[in-house]
C-alpha cells in the first residue's frame, strides 16, 4: 500500500505542475482509496473531499457521483448511517440524472 501511495503522490505532483484538474481530481480520489483500504478514514475523507471540490469546479458529474459514493461508504464503515445515507443518496441522484446505468443498478 505504501508503495502505491507513493506512486500516486508522485503522479499527483506532476499533475499539479501541469495544472490538469481532471487528473488531479482522479488522483485525489485514488489516494483516498488507498487510505480507505488501509483504514485511515480521516485522510481518505480529506482526499475524497479535495476530489469533490475539483469535480464541482469542473462540473464532472460522473466522478462526483463516485466521490459521494466513496464518502458514503466510509460513513457506513464508521456506523454513521445518517451521513452515509446523505452521500449515497447524492451519488444515486447524480447517477440517475446523467443516466449512469452502471451506478444505478
N, C-alpha and C. Protein backbone atom coordinates (compact mmCIF):
# COMPACT_ATOMS: atom_id res chain seq x y z
N UNK A 1 0.81 -1.20 0.00
CA UNK A 1 0.00 0.00 0.00
C UNK A 1 0.86 1.27 0.00
N UNK A 2 1.91 1.25 0.78
CA UNK A 2 2.77 2.43 0.87
C UNK A 2 3.40 2.73 -0.48
N UNK A 3 3.83 1.67 -1.18
CA UNK A 3 4.44 1.88 -2.50
C UNK A 3 3.44 2.49 -3.46
N UNK A 4 2.22 1.98 -3.45
CA UNK A 4 1.17 2.51 -4.33
C UNK A 4 0.87 3.96 -3.98
N UNK A 5 0.80 4.26 -2.70
CA UNK A 5 0.53 5.63 -2.27
C UNK A 5 1.64 6.57 -2.73
N UNK A 6 2.88 6.13 -2.64
CA UNK A 6 4.00 6.96 -3.11
C UNK A 6 3.93 7.21 -4.61
N UNK A 7 3.53 6.20 -5.36
CA UNK A 7 3.39 6.36 -6.81
C UNK A 7 2.31 7.40 -7.12
N UNK A 8 1.16 7.28 -6.44
CA UNK A 8 0.09 8.25 -6.66
C UNK A 8 0.53 9.66 -6.31
N UNK A 9 1.28 9.80 -5.23
CA UNK A 9 1.72 11.14 -4.82
C UNK A 9 2.71 11.73 -5.82
N UNK A 10 3.56 10.90 -6.40
CA UNK A 10 4.49 11.39 -7.42
C UNK A 10 3.71 11.85 -8.66
N UNK A 11 2.76 11.04 -9.09
CA UNK A 11 1.93 11.41 -10.25
C UNK A 11 1.14 12.67 -9.93
N UNK A 12 0.66 12.79 -8.69
CA UNK A 12 -0.08 13.97 -8.26
C UNK A 12 0.78 15.22 -8.41
N UNK A 13 2.06 15.14 -8.03
CA UNK A 13 2.95 16.29 -8.15
C UNK A 13 3.09 16.73 -9.61
N UNK A 14 3.23 15.76 -10.51
CA UNK A 14 3.32 16.09 -11.93
C UNK A 14 2.01 16.69 -12.44
N UNK A 15 0.90 16.12 -12.02
CA UNK A 15 -0.39 16.64 -12.44
C UNK A 15 -0.60 18.06 -11.95
N UNK A 16 -0.16 18.33 -10.74
CA UNK A 16 -0.31 19.68 -10.18
C UNK A 16 0.54 20.67 -10.96
N UNK A 17 1.74 20.27 -11.32
CA UNK A 17 2.60 21.15 -12.11
C UNK A 17 2.00 21.46 -13.47
N UNK A 18 1.37 20.46 -14.05
CA UNK A 18 0.77 20.65 -15.37
C UNK A 18 -0.57 21.36 -15.30
N UNK A 19 -1.14 21.45 -14.12
CA UNK A 19 -2.42 22.13 -13.95
C UNK A 19 -3.60 21.36 -14.49
N UNK A 20 -3.48 20.04 -14.61
CA UNK A 20 -4.56 19.21 -15.13
C UNK A 20 -5.52 18.87 -13.99
N UNK A 21 -6.60 19.62 -13.88
CA UNK A 21 -7.53 19.45 -12.77
C UNK A 21 -8.29 18.14 -12.83
N UNK A 22 -8.61 17.66 -14.03
CA UNK A 22 -9.27 16.35 -14.13
C UNK A 22 -8.38 15.25 -13.58
N UNK A 23 -7.11 15.30 -13.94
CA UNK A 23 -6.16 14.30 -13.45
C UNK A 23 -6.00 14.42 -11.94
N UNK A 24 -5.91 15.64 -11.45
CA UNK A 24 -5.76 15.85 -10.00
C UNK A 24 -6.96 15.32 -9.24
N UNK A 25 -8.15 15.57 -9.76
CA UNK A 25 -9.36 15.08 -9.09
C UNK A 25 -9.35 13.56 -9.01
N UNK A 26 -8.96 12.90 -10.09
CA UNK A 26 -8.88 11.44 -10.09
C UNK A 26 -7.81 10.94 -9.12
N UNK A 27 -6.69 11.63 -9.09
CA UNK A 27 -5.62 11.23 -8.19
C UNK A 27 -6.02 11.42 -6.73
N UNK A 28 -6.69 12.51 -6.43
CA UNK A 28 -7.18 12.70 -5.06
C UNK A 28 -8.09 11.54 -4.66
N UNK A 29 -8.97 11.16 -5.56
CA UNK A 29 -9.87 10.04 -5.29
C UNK A 29 -9.08 8.75 -5.09
N UNK A 30 -8.09 8.49 -5.93
CA UNK A 30 -7.30 7.27 -5.82
C UNK A 30 -6.48 7.23 -4.54
N UNK A 31 -5.91 8.36 -4.16
CA UNK A 31 -5.16 8.42 -2.91
C UNK A 31 -6.13 8.18 -1.74
N UNK A 32 -7.32 8.74 -1.84
CA UNK A 32 -8.34 8.48 -0.82
C UNK A 32 -8.65 7.01 -0.71
N UNK A 33 -8.72 6.32 -1.84
CA UNK A 33 -8.97 4.87 -1.83
C UNK A 33 -7.87 4.12 -1.10
N UNK A 34 -6.63 4.49 -1.33
CA UNK A 34 -5.51 3.82 -0.65
C UNK A 34 -5.64 4.01 0.86
N UNK A 35 -5.95 5.23 1.27
CA UNK A 35 -6.12 5.47 2.71
C UNK A 35 -7.33 4.72 3.26
N UNK A 36 -8.40 4.66 2.49
CA UNK A 36 -9.58 3.91 2.94
C UNK A 36 -9.25 2.45 3.15
N UNK A 37 -8.55 1.87 2.17
CA UNK A 37 -8.20 0.46 2.26
C UNK A 37 -7.25 0.17 3.42
N UNK A 38 -6.46 1.17 3.80
CA UNK A 38 -5.55 0.98 4.93
C UNK A 38 -6.23 1.31 6.26
N UNK A 39 -7.50 1.75 6.20
CA UNK A 39 -8.26 2.02 7.41
C UNK A 39 -8.12 3.43 7.95
N UNK A 40 -7.41 4.30 7.24
CA UNK A 40 -7.25 5.68 7.69
C UNK A 40 -8.35 6.52 7.07
N UNK A 41 -9.54 6.45 7.68
CA UNK A 41 -10.72 7.08 7.10
C UNK A 41 -10.63 8.60 7.10
N UNK A 42 -9.98 9.17 8.08
CA UNK A 42 -9.87 10.63 8.14
C UNK A 42 -9.10 11.17 6.94
N UNK A 43 -7.95 10.56 6.65
CA UNK A 43 -7.17 11.00 5.49
C UNK A 43 -7.93 10.71 4.20
N UNK A 44 -8.59 9.56 4.15
CA UNK A 44 -9.36 9.22 2.95
C UNK A 44 -10.42 10.28 2.69
N UNK A 45 -11.14 10.67 3.73
CA UNK A 45 -12.17 11.70 3.56
C UNK A 45 -11.59 13.02 3.08
N UNK A 46 -10.43 13.38 3.60
CA UNK A 46 -9.79 14.62 3.17
C UNK A 46 -9.49 14.59 1.67
N UNK A 47 -8.96 13.47 1.19
CA UNK A 47 -8.64 13.37 -0.24
C UNK A 47 -9.91 13.28 -1.09
N UNK A 48 -10.91 12.53 -0.62
CA UNK A 48 -12.17 12.48 -1.36
C UNK A 48 -12.78 13.88 -1.47
N UNK A 49 -12.75 14.63 -0.39
CA UNK A 49 -13.33 15.98 -0.42
C UNK A 49 -12.56 16.92 -1.34
N UNK A 50 -11.24 16.73 -1.42
CA UNK A 50 -10.46 17.53 -2.39
C UNK A 50 -10.88 17.19 -3.80
N UNK A 51 -11.14 15.91 -4.04
CA UNK A 51 -11.62 15.48 -5.35
C UNK A 51 -13.00 16.07 -5.63
N UNK A 52 -13.87 16.08 -4.64
CA UNK A 52 -15.21 16.67 -4.79
C UNK A 52 -15.08 18.14 -5.19
N UNK A 53 -14.22 18.87 -4.50
CA UNK A 53 -14.06 20.30 -4.81
C UNK A 53 -13.68 20.53 -6.27
N UNK A 54 -12.73 19.75 -6.76
CA UNK A 54 -12.31 19.91 -8.15
C UNK A 54 -13.41 19.46 -9.11
N UNK A 55 -14.07 18.35 -8.79
CA UNK A 55 -15.13 17.86 -9.68
C UNK A 55 -16.32 18.81 -9.73
N UNK A 56 -16.61 19.50 -8.62
CA UNK A 56 -17.64 20.53 -8.65
C UNK A 56 -17.22 21.68 -9.55
N UNK A 57 -15.97 22.09 -9.42
CA UNK A 57 -15.45 23.18 -10.25
C UNK A 57 -15.50 22.80 -11.73
N UNK A 58 -15.20 21.55 -12.04
CA UNK A 58 -15.16 21.08 -13.42
C UNK A 58 -16.53 20.62 -13.93
N UNK A 59 -17.51 20.57 -13.03
CA UNK A 59 -18.83 20.05 -13.34
C UNK A 59 -18.74 18.62 -13.88
N UNK A 60 -17.87 17.82 -13.28
CA UNK A 60 -17.69 16.42 -13.68
C UNK A 60 -18.61 15.55 -12.85
N UNK A 61 -19.82 15.37 -13.36
CA UNK A 61 -20.87 14.68 -12.61
C UNK A 61 -20.57 13.21 -12.38
N UNK A 62 -19.97 12.55 -13.35
CA UNK A 62 -19.67 11.13 -13.20
C UNK A 62 -18.72 10.91 -12.03
N UNK A 63 -17.63 11.66 -12.00
CA UNK A 63 -16.67 11.49 -10.91
C UNK A 63 -17.21 11.99 -9.58
N UNK A 64 -18.07 12.98 -9.63
CA UNK A 64 -18.69 13.48 -8.41
C UNK A 64 -19.55 12.39 -7.77
N UNK A 65 -20.28 11.65 -8.60
CA UNK A 65 -21.09 10.54 -8.09
C UNK A 65 -20.20 9.48 -7.44
N UNK A 66 -19.05 9.22 -8.04
CA UNK A 66 -18.10 8.26 -7.47
C UNK A 66 -17.59 8.77 -6.13
N UNK A 67 -17.22 10.06 -6.08
CA UNK A 67 -16.73 10.65 -4.83
C UNK A 67 -17.76 10.50 -3.71
N UNK A 68 -18.99 10.87 -3.99
CA UNK A 68 -20.04 10.80 -2.97
C UNK A 68 -20.29 9.36 -2.52
N UNK A 69 -20.20 8.43 -3.46
CA UNK A 69 -20.35 7.02 -3.12
C UNK A 69 -19.23 6.58 -2.17
N UNK A 70 -18.01 6.98 -2.49
CA UNK A 70 -16.87 6.62 -1.65
C UNK A 70 -17.00 7.22 -0.24
N UNK A 71 -17.40 8.48 -0.17
CA UNK A 71 -17.58 9.13 1.13
C UNK A 71 -18.69 8.42 1.91
N UNK A 72 -19.78 8.10 1.25
CA UNK A 72 -20.87 7.38 1.90
C UNK A 72 -20.44 6.05 2.45
N UNK A 73 -19.60 5.34 1.71
CA UNK A 73 -19.12 4.04 2.17
C UNK A 73 -18.23 4.17 3.41
N UNK A 74 -17.45 5.22 3.47
CA UNK A 74 -16.65 5.43 4.68
C UNK A 74 -17.56 5.63 5.88
N UNK A 75 -18.58 6.47 5.71
CA UNK A 75 -19.50 6.69 6.83
C UNK A 75 -20.23 5.41 7.22
N UNK A 76 -20.53 4.56 6.24
CA UNK A 76 -21.13 3.25 6.55
C UNK A 76 -20.17 2.44 7.42
N UNK A 77 -18.91 2.41 7.04
CA UNK A 77 -17.91 1.66 7.80
C UNK A 77 -17.76 2.18 9.22
N UNK A 78 -18.07 3.46 9.43
CA UNK A 78 -17.96 4.07 10.74
C UNK A 78 -19.30 4.07 11.49
N UNK A 79 -20.29 3.37 10.94
CA UNK A 79 -21.63 3.28 11.53
C UNK A 79 -22.29 4.65 11.68
N UNK A 80 -21.95 5.58 10.81
CA UNK A 80 -22.58 6.90 10.78
C UNK A 80 -23.60 6.89 9.64
N UNK A 81 -24.72 6.24 9.92
CA UNK A 81 -25.66 5.92 8.87
C UNK A 81 -26.38 7.12 8.28
N UNK A 82 -26.66 8.13 9.07
CA UNK A 82 -27.31 9.32 8.52
C UNK A 82 -26.41 10.01 7.50
N UNK A 83 -25.13 10.15 7.84
CA UNK A 83 -24.18 10.77 6.91
C UNK A 83 -23.99 9.88 5.68
N UNK A 84 -23.92 8.57 5.92
CA UNK A 84 -23.77 7.64 4.80
C UNK A 84 -24.94 7.77 3.83
N UNK A 85 -26.15 7.78 4.38
CA UNK A 85 -27.34 7.89 3.54
C UNK A 85 -27.30 9.18 2.73
N UNK A 86 -26.92 10.28 3.37
CA UNK A 86 -26.86 11.57 2.69
C UNK A 86 -25.97 11.50 1.44
N UNK A 87 -24.77 10.97 1.60
CA UNK A 87 -23.83 10.93 0.47
C UNK A 87 -24.22 9.87 -0.56
N UNK A 88 -24.70 8.73 -0.10
CA UNK A 88 -25.09 7.69 -1.06
C UNK A 88 -26.31 8.13 -1.86
N UNK A 89 -27.21 8.86 -1.22
CA UNK A 89 -28.37 9.39 -1.94
C UNK A 89 -27.93 10.43 -2.98
N UNK A 90 -26.98 11.27 -2.62
CA UNK A 90 -26.47 12.26 -3.59
C UNK A 90 -25.83 11.56 -4.78
N UNK A 91 -25.07 10.51 -4.50
CA UNK A 91 -24.43 9.75 -5.58
C UNK A 91 -25.47 9.14 -6.51
N UNK A 92 -26.47 8.52 -5.93
CA UNK A 92 -27.53 7.91 -6.73
C UNK A 92 -28.29 8.96 -7.54
N UNK A 93 -28.59 10.08 -6.93
CA UNK A 93 -29.32 11.15 -7.61
C UNK A 93 -28.56 11.65 -8.84
N UNK A 94 -27.27 11.89 -8.67
CA UNK A 94 -26.45 12.33 -9.80
C UNK A 94 -26.41 11.26 -10.88
N UNK A 95 -26.22 10.01 -10.45
CA UNK A 95 -26.15 8.91 -11.41
C UNK A 95 -27.43 8.79 -12.21
N UNK A 96 -28.57 8.98 -11.56
CA UNK A 96 -29.85 8.94 -12.27
C UNK A 96 -29.98 10.12 -13.22
N UNK A 97 -29.56 11.30 -12.80
CA UNK A 97 -29.65 12.49 -13.65
C UNK A 97 -28.86 12.34 -14.94
N UNK A 98 -27.71 11.68 -14.85
CA UNK A 98 -26.85 11.55 -16.04
C UNK A 98 -27.03 10.20 -16.72
N UNK A 99 -28.04 9.43 -16.26
CA UNK A 99 -28.33 8.11 -16.83
C UNK A 99 -27.13 7.17 -16.79
N UNK A 100 -26.45 7.15 -15.68
CA UNK A 100 -25.31 6.24 -15.50
C UNK A 100 -25.85 4.89 -15.02
N UNK A 101 -26.14 4.03 -15.98
CA UNK A 101 -26.75 2.74 -15.67
C UNK A 101 -25.85 1.88 -14.79
N UNK A 102 -24.56 2.01 -14.92
CA UNK A 102 -23.63 1.22 -14.12
C UNK A 102 -23.81 1.49 -12.64
N UNK A 103 -24.06 2.74 -12.27
CA UNK A 103 -24.14 3.13 -10.88
C UNK A 103 -25.56 3.07 -10.32
N UNK A 104 -26.58 2.90 -11.18
CA UNK A 104 -27.95 2.91 -10.69
C UNK A 104 -28.57 1.51 -10.62
N UNK A 105 -27.85 0.50 -10.99
CA UNK A 105 -28.40 -0.88 -10.95
C UNK A 105 -28.33 -1.45 -9.57
